[in-house]
Amino acid sequence: MFSVPLYKFSVPNWEEEKKDILKALPKEKRVKEYEDDIYTDFFDNSRSRKLPSYADLVLDVLSPCMEEFIQIQSSPGWLGVDAMWYQTEYRGQKHMLHNHGNIGWSSVFYINFDPKIHTSTKFLSPFNSGSGIGNILQWYQPDVKEGDFIIFNSDIPHEALPNESDKKRTIISMNFQTQQLSPVKQYQLNNIL
């Protein structure tokens, strides 16, 4: 997208993995933060500086994808999970345009997602579309399905458009760093690879 890398992976045996992940997610908690009105455990986890109870399961399910990502990137053998959270939106709920800061990589793992009725994450180009007044901003929305996992630069602006269906839309998101920071908050991926 926009000459900026976006990596997409599909989890094998998704239907079985989905059942386990949904069982592991905590009870939905409605949060009204800024302009958003969504269900998330983001603030619980970021305040406690710990990864959620379902982190080991999610990382185990995603380990083949992460192995491939590390090989594609020719990254050093260390990749830390800095944060993980789930987010659910019901009809009319959205997550406003934001980015995750200049920390490395971020991701979206599509858990409850029907491509016929839900929209994928919408990314805004970090580059101006041309010269002159009235330039059009470029957007990109990847084609995804349930069980897909995308990784992108954490500083790319993105948003979840309003859910316009009666079916809930659920994702799990993570931030990754390639340099070791606080060992309390991070989970070294080569522990599971």
N, C-alpha and C. Protein backbone atom coordinates (compact mmCIF):
# COMPACT_ATOMS: atom_id res chain seq x y z
N MET A 1 0.85 -1.19 0.00
CA MET A 1 0.00 0.00 0.00
C MET A 1 0.88 1.24 0.00
N PHE A 2 0.66 2.17 -0.87
CA PHE A 2 1.38 3.44 -0.96
C PHE A 2 2.90 3.27 -0.93
N SER A 3 3.43 2.20 -1.40
CA SER A 3 4.87 1.88 -1.31
C SER A 3 5.31 1.72 0.13
N VAL A 4 4.38 1.42 1.00
CA VAL A 4 4.67 1.13 2.40
C VAL A 4 4.29 -0.33 2.62
N PRO A 5 5.14 -1.11 3.28
CA PRO A 5 4.81 -2.54 3.42
C PRO A 5 3.58 -2.81 4.28
N LEU A 6 2.79 -3.74 3.83
CA LEU A 6 1.69 -4.32 4.60
C LEU A 6 1.77 -5.82 4.34
N TYR A 7 1.88 -6.59 5.40
CA TYR A 7 2.02 -8.04 5.26
C TYR A 7 0.71 -8.71 5.69
N LYS A 8 0.25 -9.65 4.87
CA LYS A 8 -1.01 -10.33 5.17
C LYS A 8 -0.76 -11.84 5.22
N PHE A 9 -1.28 -12.45 6.28
CA PHE A 9 -1.15 -13.89 6.49
C PHE A 9 -2.53 -14.45 6.81
N SER A 10 -2.73 -15.72 6.52
CA SER A 10 -3.97 -16.40 6.88
C SER A 10 -3.65 -17.54 7.82
N VAL A 11 -4.39 -17.62 8.92
CA VAL A 11 -4.17 -18.66 9.92
C VAL A 11 -4.77 -19.97 9.42
N PRO A 12 -3.96 -21.03 9.37
CA PRO A 12 -4.50 -22.33 8.97
C PRO A 12 -5.43 -22.89 10.05
N ASN A 13 -6.35 -23.75 9.66
CA ASN A 13 -7.28 -24.39 10.59
C ASN A 13 -8.04 -23.34 11.41
N TRP A 14 -8.48 -22.29 10.73
CA TRP A 14 -9.06 -21.14 11.42
C TRP A 14 -10.29 -21.47 12.26
N GLU A 15 -11.20 -22.28 11.77
CA GLU A 15 -12.45 -22.53 12.52
C GLU A 15 -12.17 -23.11 13.90
N GLU A 16 -11.22 -24.01 14.01
CA GLU A 16 -10.87 -24.58 15.33
C GLU A 16 -10.18 -23.54 16.20
N GLU A 17 -9.25 -22.81 15.60
CA GLU A 17 -8.50 -21.79 16.36
C GLU A 17 -9.45 -20.70 16.87
N LYS A 18 -10.43 -20.33 16.04
CA LYS A 18 -11.38 -19.27 16.41
C LYS A 18 -12.14 -19.64 17.69
N LYS A 19 -12.60 -20.88 17.78
CA LYS A 19 -13.35 -21.31 18.96
C LYS A 19 -12.53 -21.10 20.23
N ASP A 20 -11.27 -21.50 20.20
CA ASP A 20 -10.41 -21.37 21.38
C ASP A 20 -10.17 -19.91 21.73
N ILE A 21 -9.93 -19.08 20.72
CA ILE A 21 -9.66 -17.67 20.97
C ILE A 21 -10.89 -16.98 21.55
N LEU A 22 -12.06 -17.23 20.97
CA LEU A 22 -13.27 -16.59 21.49
C LEU A 22 -13.55 -17.00 22.94
N LYS A 23 -13.27 -18.25 23.29
CA LYS A 23 -13.45 -18.70 24.68
C LYS A 23 -12.49 -17.97 25.62
N ALA A 24 -11.30 -17.64 25.12
CA ALA A 24 -10.27 -17.04 25.95
C ALA A 24 -10.44 -15.53 26.16
N LEU A 25 -11.17 -14.87 25.27
CA LEU A 25 -11.34 -13.42 25.40
C LEU A 25 -12.16 -13.09 26.65
N PRO A 26 -11.83 -11.98 27.30
CA PRO A 26 -12.59 -11.60 28.50
C PRO A 26 -13.99 -11.12 28.14
N LYS A 27 -14.81 -11.03 29.16
CA LYS A 27 -16.17 -10.50 28.99
C LYS A 27 -16.08 -9.10 28.38
N GLU A 28 -16.98 -8.83 27.43
CA GLU A 28 -16.94 -7.54 26.76
C GLU A 28 -17.18 -6.40 27.75
N LYS A 29 -16.38 -5.35 27.59
CA LYS A 29 -16.45 -4.18 28.46
C LYS A 29 -16.54 -2.95 27.56
N ARG A 30 -17.65 -2.22 27.69
CA ARG A 30 -17.87 -1.04 26.85
C ARG A 30 -17.03 0.13 27.37
N VAL A 31 -16.34 0.79 26.44
CA VAL A 31 -15.46 1.90 26.78
C VAL A 31 -15.82 3.08 25.90
N LYS A 32 -16.00 4.22 26.52
CA LYS A 32 -16.23 5.46 25.76
C LYS A 32 -14.99 6.32 25.96
N GLU A 33 -14.18 6.38 24.93
CA GLU A 33 -12.92 7.11 25.00
C GLU A 33 -12.83 7.99 23.76
N TYR A 34 -12.53 9.25 23.94
CA TYR A 34 -12.46 10.21 22.85
C TYR A 34 -13.79 10.18 22.11
N GLU A 35 -13.76 9.95 20.80
CA GLU A 35 -14.99 9.90 20.01
C GLU A 35 -15.51 8.48 19.87
N ASP A 36 -14.74 7.52 20.34
CA ASP A 36 -15.10 6.12 20.14
C ASP A 36 -16.01 5.61 21.26
N ASP A 37 -16.82 4.66 20.90
CA ASP A 37 -17.71 3.97 21.83
C ASP A 37 -17.64 2.51 21.41
N ILE A 38 -16.70 1.76 21.99
CA ILE A 38 -16.42 0.40 21.55
C ILE A 38 -16.26 -0.51 22.77
N TYR A 39 -16.12 -1.78 22.50
CA TYR A 39 -15.82 -2.77 23.53
C TYR A 39 -14.35 -3.14 23.38
N THR A 40 -13.56 -2.96 24.44
CA THR A 40 -12.13 -3.23 24.36
C THR A 40 -11.56 -3.44 25.76
N ASP A 41 -10.43 -4.14 25.81
CA ASP A 41 -9.68 -4.25 27.06
C ASP A 41 -8.37 -3.48 26.96
N PHE A 42 -8.25 -2.62 25.96
CA PHE A 42 -7.01 -1.87 25.73
C PHE A 42 -6.55 -1.13 26.98
N PHE A 43 -7.44 -0.41 27.61
CA PHE A 43 -7.03 0.43 28.74
C PHE A 43 -6.68 -0.40 29.98
N ASP A 44 -7.34 -1.54 30.15
CA ASP A 44 -6.99 -2.44 31.26
C ASP A 44 -5.55 -2.92 31.12
N ASN A 45 -5.20 -3.33 29.92
CA ASN A 45 -3.87 -3.90 29.68
C ASN A 45 -2.78 -2.84 29.66
N SER A 46 -3.07 -1.68 29.06
CA SER A 46 -2.02 -0.65 28.98
C SER A 46 -1.73 -0.07 30.36
N ARG A 47 -2.73 0.01 31.21
CA ARG A 47 -2.50 0.54 32.57
C ARG A 47 -1.74 -0.46 33.44
N SER A 48 -1.99 -1.73 33.24
CA SER A 48 -1.33 -2.74 34.08
C SER A 48 0.06 -3.10 33.57
N ARG A 49 0.38 -2.64 32.36
CA ARG A 49 1.68 -2.93 31.73
C ARG A 49 1.92 -4.43 31.59
N LYS A 50 0.85 -5.18 31.42
CA LYS A 50 0.95 -6.63 31.21
C LYS A 50 0.19 -7.00 29.95
N LEU A 51 0.58 -8.12 29.38
CA LEU A 51 -0.19 -8.64 28.26
C LEU A 51 -1.41 -9.36 28.82
N PRO A 52 -2.50 -9.42 28.05
CA PRO A 52 -3.73 -10.05 28.55
C PRO A 52 -3.58 -11.56 28.73
N SER A 53 -4.52 -12.15 29.44
CA SER A 53 -4.49 -13.58 29.75
C SER A 53 -4.53 -14.45 28.49
N TYR A 54 -5.07 -13.95 27.41
CA TYR A 54 -5.18 -14.72 26.17
C TYR A 54 -3.95 -14.57 25.27
N ALA A 55 -2.94 -13.83 25.68
CA ALA A 55 -1.77 -13.54 24.84
C ALA A 55 -1.04 -14.81 24.40
N ASP A 56 -0.78 -15.73 25.32
CA ASP A 56 -0.04 -16.94 24.95
C ASP A 56 -0.78 -17.74 23.88
N LEU A 57 -2.10 -17.87 24.01
CA LEU A 57 -2.89 -18.60 23.02
C LEU A 57 -2.81 -17.92 21.66
N VAL A 58 -3.01 -16.61 21.63
CA VAL A 58 -2.98 -15.87 20.36
C VAL A 58 -1.60 -15.98 19.72
N LEU A 59 -0.55 -15.81 20.50
CA LEU A 59 0.80 -15.90 19.94
C LEU A 59 1.11 -17.31 19.45
N ASP A 60 0.59 -18.31 20.12
CA ASP A 60 0.78 -19.68 19.66
C ASP A 60 0.09 -19.89 18.31
N VAL A 61 -1.14 -19.40 18.18
CA VAL A 61 -1.89 -19.52 16.92
C VAL A 61 -1.17 -18.77 15.79
N LEU A 62 -0.60 -17.62 16.12
CA LEU A 62 0.03 -16.77 15.10
C LEU A 62 1.51 -17.08 14.87
N SER A 63 2.08 -18.02 15.61
CA SER A 63 3.53 -18.25 15.50
C SER A 63 3.98 -18.58 14.07
N PRO A 64 3.24 -19.37 13.26
CA PRO A 64 3.70 -19.58 11.88
C PRO A 64 3.74 -18.27 11.07
N CYS A 65 2.76 -17.42 11.30
CA CYS A 65 2.73 -16.12 10.61
C CYS A 65 3.91 -15.26 11.05
N MET A 66 4.19 -15.26 12.34
CA MET A 66 5.29 -14.45 12.86
C MET A 66 6.64 -14.97 12.37
N GLU A 67 6.79 -16.28 12.29
CA GLU A 67 8.03 -16.85 11.75
C GLU A 67 8.24 -16.36 10.32
N GLU A 68 7.18 -16.41 9.52
CA GLU A 68 7.27 -15.96 8.13
C GLU A 68 7.59 -14.48 8.06
N PHE A 69 6.95 -13.68 8.90
CA PHE A 69 7.21 -12.24 8.92
C PHE A 69 8.67 -11.95 9.25
N ILE A 70 9.21 -12.62 10.24
CA ILE A 70 10.60 -12.40 10.63
C ILE A 70 11.53 -12.78 9.48
N GLN A 71 11.23 -13.87 8.79
CA GLN A 71 12.07 -14.28 7.66
C GLN A 71 11.98 -13.27 6.51
N ILE A 72 10.78 -12.79 6.21
CA ILE A 72 10.61 -11.80 5.14
C ILE A 72 11.38 -10.53 5.47
N GLN A 73 11.31 -10.12 6.71
CA GLN A 73 11.94 -8.88 7.15
C GLN A 73 13.44 -9.01 7.33
N SER A 74 13.95 -10.22 7.37
CA SER A 74 15.35 -10.45 7.73
C SER A 74 15.65 -9.72 9.04
N SER A 75 14.66 -9.76 9.94
CA SER A 75 14.78 -9.08 11.23
C SER A 75 15.77 -9.82 12.11
N PRO A 76 16.29 -9.14 13.11
CA PRO A 76 17.09 -9.87 14.08
C PRO A 76 16.18 -10.89 14.76
N GLY A 77 16.74 -11.83 15.47
CA GLY A 77 15.96 -12.90 16.07
C GLY A 77 15.03 -12.45 17.18
N TRP A 78 15.05 -11.19 17.52
CA TRP A 78 14.23 -10.71 18.62
C TRP A 78 13.13 -9.80 18.09
N LEU A 79 11.90 -10.11 18.49
CA LEU A 79 10.76 -9.26 18.17
C LEU A 79 9.87 -9.28 19.40
N GLY A 80 9.64 -8.13 20.00
CA GLY A 80 8.88 -8.08 21.25
C GLY A 80 7.46 -7.63 21.04
N VAL A 81 6.53 -8.30 21.71
CA VAL A 81 5.14 -7.86 21.72
C VAL A 81 5.02 -6.84 22.85
N ASP A 82 4.77 -5.62 22.47
CA ASP A 82 4.72 -4.53 23.42
C ASP A 82 3.33 -4.39 24.05
N ALA A 83 2.30 -4.73 23.28
CA ALA A 83 0.92 -4.60 23.77
C ALA A 83 0.01 -5.48 22.94
N MET A 84 -1.08 -5.93 23.56
CA MET A 84 -2.11 -6.72 22.87
C MET A 84 -3.46 -6.39 23.48
N TRP A 85 -4.47 -6.28 22.64
CA TRP A 85 -5.82 -6.00 23.13
C TRP A 85 -6.84 -6.48 22.10
N TYR A 86 -8.08 -6.67 22.55
CA TYR A 86 -9.15 -7.00 21.62
C TYR A 86 -10.05 -5.78 21.49
N GLN A 87 -10.84 -5.77 20.43
CA GLN A 87 -11.78 -4.68 20.21
C GLN A 87 -12.97 -5.23 19.45
N THR A 88 -14.18 -4.90 19.91
CA THR A 88 -15.41 -5.33 19.24
C THR A 88 -16.28 -4.11 18.98
N GLU A 89 -16.86 -4.08 17.78
CA GLU A 89 -17.80 -3.02 17.45
C GLU A 89 -19.12 -3.66 17.00
N TYR A 90 -20.19 -3.11 17.54
CA TYR A 90 -21.53 -3.47 17.10
C TYR A 90 -22.03 -2.39 16.15
N ARG A 91 -23.26 -2.51 15.69
CA ARG A 91 -23.81 -1.56 14.72
C ARG A 91 -23.54 -0.11 15.14
N GLY A 92 -23.01 0.66 14.20
CA GLY A 92 -22.75 2.08 14.41
C GLY A 92 -21.44 2.40 15.13
N GLN A 93 -20.80 1.42 15.70
CA GLN A 93 -19.55 1.68 16.42
C GLN A 93 -18.36 1.67 15.47
N LYS A 94 -17.35 2.48 15.79
CA LYS A 94 -16.17 2.64 14.96
C LYS A 94 -14.96 2.94 15.85
N HIS A 95 -13.80 2.98 15.24
CA HIS A 95 -12.60 3.42 15.94
C HIS A 95 -11.97 4.50 15.08
N MET A 96 -11.90 5.72 15.63
CA MET A 96 -11.49 6.88 14.85
C MET A 96 -10.07 6.76 14.32
N LEU A 97 -9.74 7.63 13.35
CA LEU A 97 -8.42 7.67 12.73
C LEU A 97 -7.35 7.90 13.80
N HIS A 98 -6.30 7.07 13.77
CA HIS A 98 -5.24 7.13 14.77
C HIS A 98 -4.02 6.39 14.23
N ASN A 99 -2.93 6.47 14.95
CA ASN A 99 -1.80 5.59 14.68
C ASN A 99 -1.27 5.11 16.02
N HIS A 100 -0.30 4.23 15.99
CA HIS A 100 0.22 3.64 17.23
C HIS A 100 1.57 4.21 17.62
N GLY A 101 1.96 5.32 16.97
CA GLY A 101 3.24 5.95 17.28
C GLY A 101 4.38 5.30 16.52
N ASN A 102 5.53 5.86 16.65
CA ASN A 102 6.71 5.38 15.93
C ASN A 102 7.42 4.33 16.77
N ILE A 103 6.78 3.16 16.92
CA ILE A 103 7.34 2.12 17.78
C ILE A 103 7.86 0.92 17.02
N GLY A 104 7.49 0.76 15.75
CA GLY A 104 7.91 -0.40 14.98
C GLY A 104 6.77 -0.91 14.12
N TRP A 105 6.13 -1.98 14.56
CA TRP A 105 5.07 -2.63 13.79
C TRP A 105 3.80 -2.75 14.62
N SER A 106 2.67 -2.72 13.94
CA SER A 106 1.37 -2.98 14.57
C SER A 106 0.64 -4.01 13.72
N SER A 107 -0.43 -4.56 14.28
CA SER A 107 -1.13 -5.61 13.55
C SER A 107 -2.61 -5.62 13.87
N VAL A 108 -3.37 -6.25 12.98
CA VAL A 108 -4.79 -6.52 13.20
C VAL A 108 -5.02 -7.98 12.84
N PHE A 109 -5.66 -8.70 13.76
CA PHE A 109 -6.01 -10.11 13.58
C PHE A 109 -7.54 -10.15 13.56
N TYR A 110 -8.13 -10.52 12.43
CA TYR A 110 -9.58 -10.47 12.23
C TYR A 110 -10.23 -11.73 12.81
N ILE A 111 -10.98 -11.58 13.89
CA ILE A 111 -11.57 -12.71 14.62
C ILE A 111 -13.03 -12.94 14.20
N ASN A 112 -13.92 -11.98 14.44
CA ASN A 112 -15.30 -12.02 13.94
C ASN A 112 -15.36 -11.02 12.80
N PHE A 113 -15.38 -11.52 11.59
CA PHE A 113 -15.31 -10.62 10.44
C PHE A 113 -15.92 -11.30 9.22
N ASP A 114 -16.95 -10.69 8.68
CA ASP A 114 -17.60 -11.19 7.48
C ASP A 114 -17.35 -10.18 6.36
N PRO A 115 -16.51 -10.51 5.38
CA PRO A 115 -16.17 -9.54 4.34
C PRO A 115 -17.36 -9.10 3.49
N LYS A 116 -18.47 -9.83 3.56
CA LYS A 116 -19.66 -9.43 2.81
C LYS A 116 -20.36 -8.25 3.46
N ILE A 117 -20.20 -8.10 4.78
CA ILE A 117 -20.92 -7.03 5.47
C ILE A 117 -20.03 -6.11 6.31
N HIS A 118 -18.80 -6.51 6.59
CA HIS A 118 -17.89 -5.68 7.38
C HIS A 118 -16.83 -5.04 6.48
N THR A 119 -16.31 -3.92 6.94
CA THR A 119 -15.21 -3.27 6.22
C THR A 119 -13.91 -3.55 6.96
N SER A 120 -12.85 -3.70 6.18
CA SER A 120 -11.53 -3.92 6.80
C SER A 120 -10.95 -2.58 7.25
N THR A 121 -9.84 -2.66 7.92
CA THR A 121 -9.14 -1.47 8.40
C THR A 121 -8.83 -0.56 7.22
N LYS A 122 -9.06 0.72 7.40
CA LYS A 122 -8.81 1.70 6.33
C LYS A 122 -7.54 2.48 6.68
N PHE A 123 -6.56 2.46 5.77
CA PHE A 123 -5.27 3.11 5.99
C PHE A 123 -5.18 4.39 5.17
N LEU A 124 -4.60 5.42 5.76
CA LEU A 124 -4.39 6.70 5.10
C LEU A 124 -2.92 6.78 4.68
N SER A 125 -2.67 7.16 3.44
CA SER A 125 -1.30 7.27 2.95
C SER A 125 -0.54 8.33 3.74
N PRO A 126 0.71 8.04 4.10
CA PRO A 126 1.53 9.04 4.78
C PRO A 126 2.14 10.04 3.80
N PHE A 127 1.90 9.83 2.50
CA PHE A 127 2.50 10.68 1.47
C PHE A 127 1.44 11.55 0.82
N ASN A 128 1.83 12.76 0.46
CA ASN A 128 0.96 13.65 -0.29
C ASN A 128 0.77 13.06 -1.68
N SER A 129 -0.41 13.17 -2.26
CA SER A 129 -0.72 12.52 -3.53
C SER A 129 -0.15 13.25 -4.74
N GLY A 130 0.36 14.43 -4.58
CA GLY A 130 0.92 15.17 -5.72
C GLY A 130 1.23 16.59 -5.31
N SER A 131 1.38 17.43 -6.29
CA SER A 131 1.68 18.82 -5.98
C SER A 131 0.47 19.68 -6.33
N GLY A 132 0.37 20.78 -5.66
CA GLY A 132 -0.73 21.69 -5.95
C GLY A 132 -1.76 21.72 -4.84
N ILE A 133 -2.73 22.55 -5.01
CA ILE A 133 -3.78 22.74 -4.02
C ILE A 133 -4.88 21.71 -4.24
N GLY A 134 -5.45 21.23 -3.18
CA GLY A 134 -6.59 20.32 -3.29
C GLY A 134 -6.20 18.89 -3.59
N ASN A 135 -5.05 18.47 -3.14
CA ASN A 135 -4.65 17.09 -3.38
C ASN A 135 -5.60 16.14 -2.69
N ILE A 136 -5.84 15.03 -3.35
CA ILE A 136 -6.70 13.99 -2.80
C ILE A 136 -5.85 13.08 -1.92
N LEU A 137 -6.33 12.78 -0.74
CA LEU A 137 -5.62 11.85 0.13
C LEU A 137 -5.90 10.43 -0.32
N GLN A 138 -4.87 9.61 -0.33
CA GLN A 138 -5.03 8.23 -0.76
C GLN A 138 -5.34 7.33 0.43
N TRP A 139 -6.26 6.39 0.21
CA TRP A 139 -6.66 5.41 1.21
C TRP A 139 -6.39 4.02 0.67
N TYR A 140 -6.28 3.07 1.58
CA TYR A 140 -6.13 1.68 1.17
C TYR A 140 -6.86 0.81 2.18
N GLN A 141 -7.65 -0.14 1.66
CA GLN A 141 -8.32 -1.13 2.51
C GLN A 141 -7.97 -2.51 1.97
N PRO A 142 -7.25 -3.33 2.76
CA PRO A 142 -6.89 -4.66 2.27
C PRO A 142 -8.11 -5.57 2.20
N ASP A 143 -8.08 -6.49 1.25
CA ASP A 143 -9.09 -7.54 1.19
C ASP A 143 -8.73 -8.58 2.25
N VAL A 144 -9.59 -8.74 3.23
CA VAL A 144 -9.30 -9.69 4.31
C VAL A 144 -10.54 -10.52 4.60
N LYS A 145 -10.30 -11.62 5.29
CA LYS A 145 -11.38 -12.48 5.75
C LYS A 145 -11.07 -12.87 7.19
N GLU A 146 -12.00 -13.52 7.84
CA GLU A 146 -11.79 -14.01 9.18
C GLU A 146 -10.55 -14.92 9.22
N GLY A 147 -9.74 -14.74 10.25
CA GLY A 147 -8.53 -15.55 10.37
C GLY A 147 -7.33 -14.92 9.70
N ASP A 148 -7.51 -13.79 9.03
CA ASP A 148 -6.38 -13.09 8.42
C ASP A 148 -5.71 -12.21 9.47
N PHE A 149 -4.42 -12.02 9.27
CA PHE A 149 -3.56 -11.28 10.20
C PHE A 149 -2.70 -10.35 9.35
N ILE A 150 -2.83 -9.03 9.59
CA ILE A 150 -2.02 -8.08 8.84
C ILE A 150 -1.06 -7.36 9.77
N ILE A 151 0.11 -7.04 9.24
CA ILE A 151 1.15 -6.32 9.98
C ILE A 151 1.53 -5.10 9.15
N PHE A 152 1.67 -3.95 9.80
CA PHE A 152 1.96 -2.70 9.10
C PHE A 152 2.80 -1.79 10.00
N ASN A 153 3.41 -0.78 9.39
CA ASN A 153 4.19 0.19 10.17
C ASN A 153 3.27 0.87 11.18
N SER A 154 3.73 0.95 12.41
CA SER A 154 2.87 1.45 13.49
C SER A 154 2.50 2.92 13.36
N ASP A 155 3.24 3.68 12.57
CA ASP A 155 2.93 5.11 12.47
C ASP A 155 2.01 5.45 11.30
N ILE A 156 1.48 4.44 10.59
CA ILE A 156 0.54 4.69 9.49
C ILE A 156 -0.84 4.97 10.08
N PRO A 157 -1.45 6.12 9.74
CA PRO A 157 -2.81 6.40 10.23
C PRO A 157 -3.81 5.38 9.69
N HIS A 158 -4.72 4.93 10.56
CA HIS A 158 -5.71 3.95 10.15
C HIS A 158 -6.95 4.09 11.03
N GLU A 159 -8.05 3.47 10.60
CA GLU A 159 -9.29 3.54 11.35
C GLU A 159 -10.16 2.34 11.04
N ALA A 160 -11.08 2.07 11.95
CA ALA A 160 -12.13 1.07 11.72
C ALA A 160 -13.40 1.87 11.42
N LEU A 161 -13.89 1.73 10.21
CA LEU A 161 -15.10 2.45 9.82
C LEU A 161 -16.29 1.91 10.60
N PRO A 162 -17.39 2.67 10.68
CA PRO A 162 -18.55 2.20 11.44
C PRO A 162 -19.04 0.83 10.98
N ASN A 163 -19.37 -0.01 11.93
CA ASN A 163 -19.98 -1.30 11.62
C ASN A 163 -21.42 -1.03 11.23
N GLU A 164 -21.77 -1.34 10.01
CA GLU A 164 -23.12 -1.05 9.53
C GLU A 164 -24.01 -2.29 9.50
N SER A 165 -23.62 -3.32 10.25
CA SER A 165 -24.43 -4.54 10.27
C SER A 165 -24.82 -4.88 11.70
N ASP A 166 -25.69 -5.88 11.83
CA ASP A 166 -26.08 -6.35 13.16
C ASP A 166 -25.13 -7.43 13.68
N LYS A 167 -24.16 -7.84 12.86
CA LYS A 167 -23.16 -8.82 13.28
C LYS A 167 -21.96 -8.07 13.87
N LYS A 168 -21.53 -8.51 15.06
CA LYS A 168 -20.39 -7.83 15.67
C LYS A 168 -19.11 -8.10 14.88
N ARG A 169 -18.20 -7.14 14.96
CA ARG A 169 -16.89 -7.24 14.31
C ARG A 169 -15.85 -7.21 15.43
N THR A 170 -14.98 -8.23 15.48
CA THR A 170 -13.98 -8.33 16.55
C THR A 170 -12.61 -8.52 15.95
N ILE A 171 -11.66 -7.79 16.50
CA ILE A 171 -10.26 -7.95 16.10
C ILE A 171 -9.40 -8.06 17.37
N ILE A 172 -8.20 -8.57 17.19
CA ILE A 172 -7.17 -8.50 18.22
C ILE A 172 -6.03 -7.72 17.59
N SER A 173 -5.51 -6.76 18.31
CA SER A 173 -4.44 -5.94 17.79
C SER A 173 -3.21 -6.08 18.68
N MET A 174 -2.04 -5.88 18.06
CA MET A 174 -0.77 -5.94 18.80
C MET A 174 0.18 -4.89 18.28
N ASN A 175 1.08 -4.48 19.14
CA ASN A 175 2.22 -3.65 18.75
C ASN A 175 3.48 -4.46 18.98
N PHE A 176 4.41 -4.35 18.03
CA PHE A 176 5.69 -5.07 18.11
C PHE A 176 6.84 -4.08 18.08
N GLN A 177 7.88 -4.39 18.81
CA GLN A 177 9.11 -3.61 18.74
C GLN A 177 10.26 -4.54 18.39
N THR A 178 11.25 -3.99 17.69
CA THR A 178 12.40 -4.80 17.30
C THR A 178 13.59 -4.57 18.23
N GLN A 179 13.43 -3.64 19.18
CA GLN A 179 14.48 -3.40 20.17
C GLN A 179 13.91 -3.66 21.55
N GLN A 180 14.71 -4.28 22.39
CA GLN A 180 14.26 -4.62 23.73
C GLN A 180 14.12 -3.36 24.58
N LEU A 181 12.96 -3.20 25.18
CA LEU A 181 12.73 -2.09 26.10
C LEU A 181 12.43 -2.69 27.47
N SER A 182 11.31 -2.35 28.04
CA SER A 182 10.97 -2.84 29.37
C SER A 182 10.63 -4.33 29.32
N PRO A 183 11.39 -5.19 30.00
CA PRO A 183 11.09 -6.62 29.95
C PRO A 183 9.78 -6.98 30.65
N VAL A 184 9.25 -6.07 31.48
CA VAL A 184 8.00 -6.34 32.18
C VAL A 184 6.85 -6.38 31.19
N LYS A 185 6.89 -5.51 30.21
CA LYS A 185 5.77 -5.34 29.30
C LYS A 185 5.87 -6.20 28.04
N GLN A 186 7.05 -6.61 27.67
CA GLN A 186 7.22 -7.28 26.39
C GLN A 186 7.30 -8.78 26.53
N TYR A 187 6.98 -9.42 25.45
CA TYR A 187 7.04 -10.89 25.37
C TYR A 187 7.95 -11.19 24.19
N GLN A 188 9.04 -11.86 24.44
CA GLN A 188 10.00 -12.14 23.38
C GLN A 188 9.45 -13.25 22.50
N LEU A 189 9.26 -12.93 21.21
CA LEU A 189 8.65 -13.90 20.32
C LEU A 189 9.50 -15.13 20.09
N ASN A 190 10.81 -15.01 20.20
CA ASN A 190 11.57 -16.22 19.96
C ASN A 190 11.40 -17.22 21.11
N ASN A 191 10.65 -16.87 22.15
CA ASN A 191 10.27 -17.85 23.18
C ASN A 191 9.27 -18.85 22.62
N ILE A 192 8.50 -18.44 21.61
CA ILE A 192 7.48 -19.35 21.09
C ILE A 192 7.83 -19.86 19.71
N LEU A 193 8.84 -19.30 19.08
CA LEU A 193 9.18 -19.71 17.71
C LEU A 193 10.19 -20.83 17.73
